[in-house]
């Protein structure tokens, strides 16, 4: 197993991967970093965990759409403020769990 150091939002992270997959992991990390930075530009500095969570949810939504699934269970008229509030609530719960471990 290989280890690759990638940078996301200006911080290095060591990531394990299968031998020969190092370039793919680096490329995926660059893509994720771009998404994290875009979210950070939109919402400001809310902490890495929240930025990562928001970015992961956006990417998961895009993947689901690409696979032909529904983008979300929320009505089309749902406001982005409501989505942001829900993401913040989930992130706060995850942070609380992470701090208790």
C-alpha atoms as a PDB file:
ATOM      1  CA  UNK A   1       0.000   0.000   0.000  1.00  0.00           C
ATOM      2  CA  UNK A   2       1.278   3.426  -0.955  1.00  0.00           C
ATOM      3  CA  UNK A   3       0.899   6.673   0.966  1.00  0.00           C
ATOM      4  CA  UNK A   4       0.332   9.967  -0.807  1.00  0.00           C
ATOM      5  CA  UNK A   5       0.420  13.399   0.789  1.00  0.00           C
ATOM      6  CA  UNK A   6      -2.251  15.671  -0.644  1.00  0.00           C
ATOM      7  CA  UNK A   7      -3.163  19.242   0.210  1.00  0.00           C
ATOM      8  CA  UNK A   8      -6.726  20.360   0.861  1.00  0.00           C
ATOM      9  CA  UNK A   9      -7.508  23.926   1.842  1.00  0.00           C
ATOM     10  CA  UNK A  10      -3.839  24.600   2.482  1.00  0.00           C
ATOM     11  CA  UNK A  11      -3.277  21.637   4.812  1.00  0.00           C
ATOM     12  CA  UNK A  12      -1.387  18.425   4.072  1.00  0.00           C
ATOM     13  CA  UNK A  13      -3.058  15.045   4.561  1.00  0.00           C
ATOM     14  CA  UNK A  14      -1.456  11.608   4.247  1.00  0.00           C
ATOM     15  CA  UNK A  15      -3.727   9.233   2.355  1.00  0.00           C
ATOM     16  CA  UNK A  16      -3.229   5.512   1.845  1.00  0.00           C
ATOM     17  CA  UNK A  17      -3.988   4.041  -1.539  1.00  0.00           C
ATOM     18  CA  UNK A  18      -3.296   0.970  -3.653  1.00  0.00           C
ATOM     19  CA  UNK A  19       0.085   0.855  -5.331  1.00  0.00           C
ATOM     20  CA  UNK A  20      -0.110   2.537  -8.722  1.00  0.00           C
ATOM     21  CA  UNK A  21      -3.083   4.724  -7.751  1.00  0.00           C
ATOM     22  CA  UNK A  22      -1.023   7.649  -6.437  1.00  0.00           C
ATOM     23  CA  UNK A  23      -1.646   9.918  -9.449  1.00  0.00           C
ATOM     24  CA  UNK A  24      -5.382   9.233  -9.362  1.00  0.00           C
ATOM     25  CA  UNK A  25      -5.545  10.058  -5.645  1.00  0.00           C
ATOM     26  CA  UNK A  26      -3.637  13.295  -6.245  1.00  0.00           C
ATOM     27  CA  UNK A  27      -6.020  14.246  -9.073  1.00  0.00           C
ATOM     28  CA  UNK A  28      -9.074  13.487  -6.929  1.00  0.00           C
ATOM     29  CA  UNK A  29      -7.600  15.494  -4.068  1.00  0.00           C
ATOM     30  CA  UNK A  30      -7.064  18.475  -6.394  1.00  0.00           C
ATOM     31  CA  UNK A  31     -10.704  18.219  -7.464  1.00  0.00           C
ATOM     32  CA  UNK A  32     -11.873  18.033  -3.840  1.00  0.00           C
ATOM     33  CA  UNK A  33      -9.594  20.936  -2.889  1.00  0.00           C
ATOM     34  CA  UNK A  34     -11.161  23.065  -5.627  1.00  0.00           C
ATOM     35  CA  UNK A  35     -14.629  22.255  -4.270  1.00  0.00           C
ATOM     36  CA  UNK A  36     -13.596  23.011  -0.671  1.00  0.00           C
ATOM     37  CA  UNK A  37     -12.096  26.341  -1.713  1.00  0.00           C
ATOM     38  CA  UNK A  38     -15.258  27.251  -3.651  1.00  0.00           C
ATOM     39  CA  UNK A  39     -17.398  26.500  -0.598  1.00  0.00           C
ATOM     40  CA  UNK A  40     -15.010  28.486   1.612  1.00  0.00           C
ATOM     41  CA  UNK A  41     -15.323  31.442  -0.758  1.00  0.00           C
ATOM     42  CA  UNK A  42     -19.116  31.226  -0.419  1.00  0.00           C
ATOM     43  CA  UNK A  43     -19.534  30.689   3.307  1.00  0.00           C
ATOM     44  CA  UNK A  44     -16.300  31.975   4.799  1.00  0.00           C
ATOM     45  CA  UNK A  45     -14.080  30.291   7.333  1.00  0.00           C
ATOM     46  CA  UNK A  46     -16.345  27.847   9.169  1.00  0.00           C
ATOM     47  CA  UNK A  47     -13.691  25.248   9.976  1.00  0.00           C
ATOM     48  CA  UNK A  48     -12.263  22.419   7.930  1.00  0.00           C
ATOM     49  CA  UNK A  49     -14.762  19.825   9.114  1.00  0.00           C
ATOM     50  CA  UNK A  50     -17.750  21.877   8.017  1.00  0.00           C
ATOM     51  CA  UNK A  51     -16.086  22.852   4.743  1.00  0.00           C
ATOM     52  CA  UNK A  52     -15.273  19.209   4.032  1.00  0.00           C
ATOM     53  CA  UNK A  53     -18.799  18.098   4.916  1.00  0.00           C
ATOM     54  CA  UNK A  54     -20.453  20.744   2.757  1.00  0.00           C
ATOM     55  CA  UNK A  55     -18.110  19.956  -0.124  1.00  0.00           C
ATOM     56  CA  UNK A  56     -18.680  16.220   0.186  1.00  0.00           C
ATOM     57  CA  UNK A  57     -22.445  16.696   0.172  1.00  0.00           C
ATOM     58  CA  UNK A  58     -22.256  18.906  -2.923  1.00  0.00           C
ATOM     59  CA  UNK A  59     -20.091  16.345  -4.711  1.00  0.00           C
ATOM     60  CA  UNK A  60     -22.379  13.487  -3.616  1.00  0.00           C
ATOM     61  CA  UNK A  61     -25.365  15.419  -4.966  1.00  0.00           C
ATOM     62  CA  UNK A  62     -23.577  15.969  -8.289  1.00  0.00           C
ATOM     63  CA  UNK A  63     -22.709  12.262  -8.447  1.00  0.00           C
ATOM     64  CA  UNK A  64     -26.293  11.250  -7.757  1.00  0.00           C
ATOM     65  CA  UNK A  65     -27.518  13.594 -10.505  1.00  0.00           C
ATOM     66  CA  UNK A  66     -24.914  12.195 -12.914  1.00  0.00           C
ATOM     67  CA  UNK A  67     -26.133   8.677 -12.147  1.00  0.00           C
ATOM     68  CA  UNK A  68     -29.655   9.739 -13.072  1.00  0.00           C
ATOM     69  CA  UNK A  69     -31.040   9.886  -9.545  1.00  0.00           C
ATOM     70  CA  UNK A  70     -32.966  12.670  -7.976  1.00  0.00           C
ATOM     71  CA  UNK A  71     -30.706  15.456  -6.700  1.00  0.00           C
ATOM     72  CA  UNK A  72     -32.442  15.687  -3.346  1.00  0.00           C
ATOM     73  CA  UNK A  73     -35.586  14.795  -1.492  1.00  0.00           C
ATOM     74  CA  UNK A  74     -36.282  18.474  -0.793  1.00  0.00           C
ATOM     75  CA  UNK A  75     -38.907  20.290  -2.859  1.00  0.00           C
ATOM     76  CA  UNK A  76     -37.576  22.313  -5.768  1.00  0.00           C
ATOM     77  CA  UNK A  77     -38.714  25.521  -4.098  1.00  0.00           C
ATOM     78  CA  UNK A  78     -36.606  24.913  -0.964  1.00  0.00           C
ATOM     79  CA  UNK A  79     -34.414  27.905  -0.232  1.00  0.00           C
ATOM     80  CA  UNK A  80     -30.632  27.700  -0.189  1.00  0.00           C
ATOM     81  CA  UNK A  81     -30.753  29.277   3.290  1.00  0.00           C
ATOM     82  CA  UNK A  82     -32.644  26.240   4.575  1.00  0.00           C
ATOM     83  CA  UNK A  83     -30.104  23.892   3.009  1.00  0.00           C
ATOM     84  CA  UNK A  84     -27.232  25.873   4.519  1.00  0.00           C
ATOM     85  CA  UNK A  85     -28.901  25.739   7.941  1.00  0.00           C
ATOM     86  CA  UNK A  86     -29.361  21.967   7.652  1.00  0.00           C
ATOM     87  CA  UNK A  87     -25.726  21.508   6.626  1.00  0.00           C
ATOM     88  CA  UNK A  88     -24.570  23.637   9.537  1.00  0.00           C
ATOM     89  CA  UNK A  89     -26.683  21.590  11.958  1.00  0.00           C
ATOM     90  CA  UNK A  90     -25.263  18.313  10.652  1.00  0.00           C
ATOM     91  CA  UNK A  91     -21.717  19.687  10.772  1.00  0.00           C
ATOM     92  CA  UNK A  92     -22.217  20.862  14.354  1.00  0.00           C
ATOM     93  CA  UNK A  93     -23.370  17.377  15.361  1.00  0.00           C
ATOM     94  CA  UNK A  94     -20.372  15.776  13.665  1.00  0.00           C
ATOM     95  CA  UNK A  95     -18.005  18.214  15.363  1.00  0.00           C
ATOM     96  CA  UNK A  96     -19.601  17.417  18.747  1.00  0.00           C
ATOM     97  CA  UNK A  97     -19.173  13.691  18.138  1.00  0.00           C
ATOM     98  CA  UNK A  98     -15.577  14.172  16.977  1.00  0.00           C
ATOM     99  CA  UNK A  99     -14.731  16.162  20.108  1.00  0.00           C
ATOM    100  CA  UNK A 100     -16.160  13.484  22.391  1.00  0.00           C
ATOM    101  CA  UNK A 101     -14.069  10.695  20.851  1.00  0.00           C
END
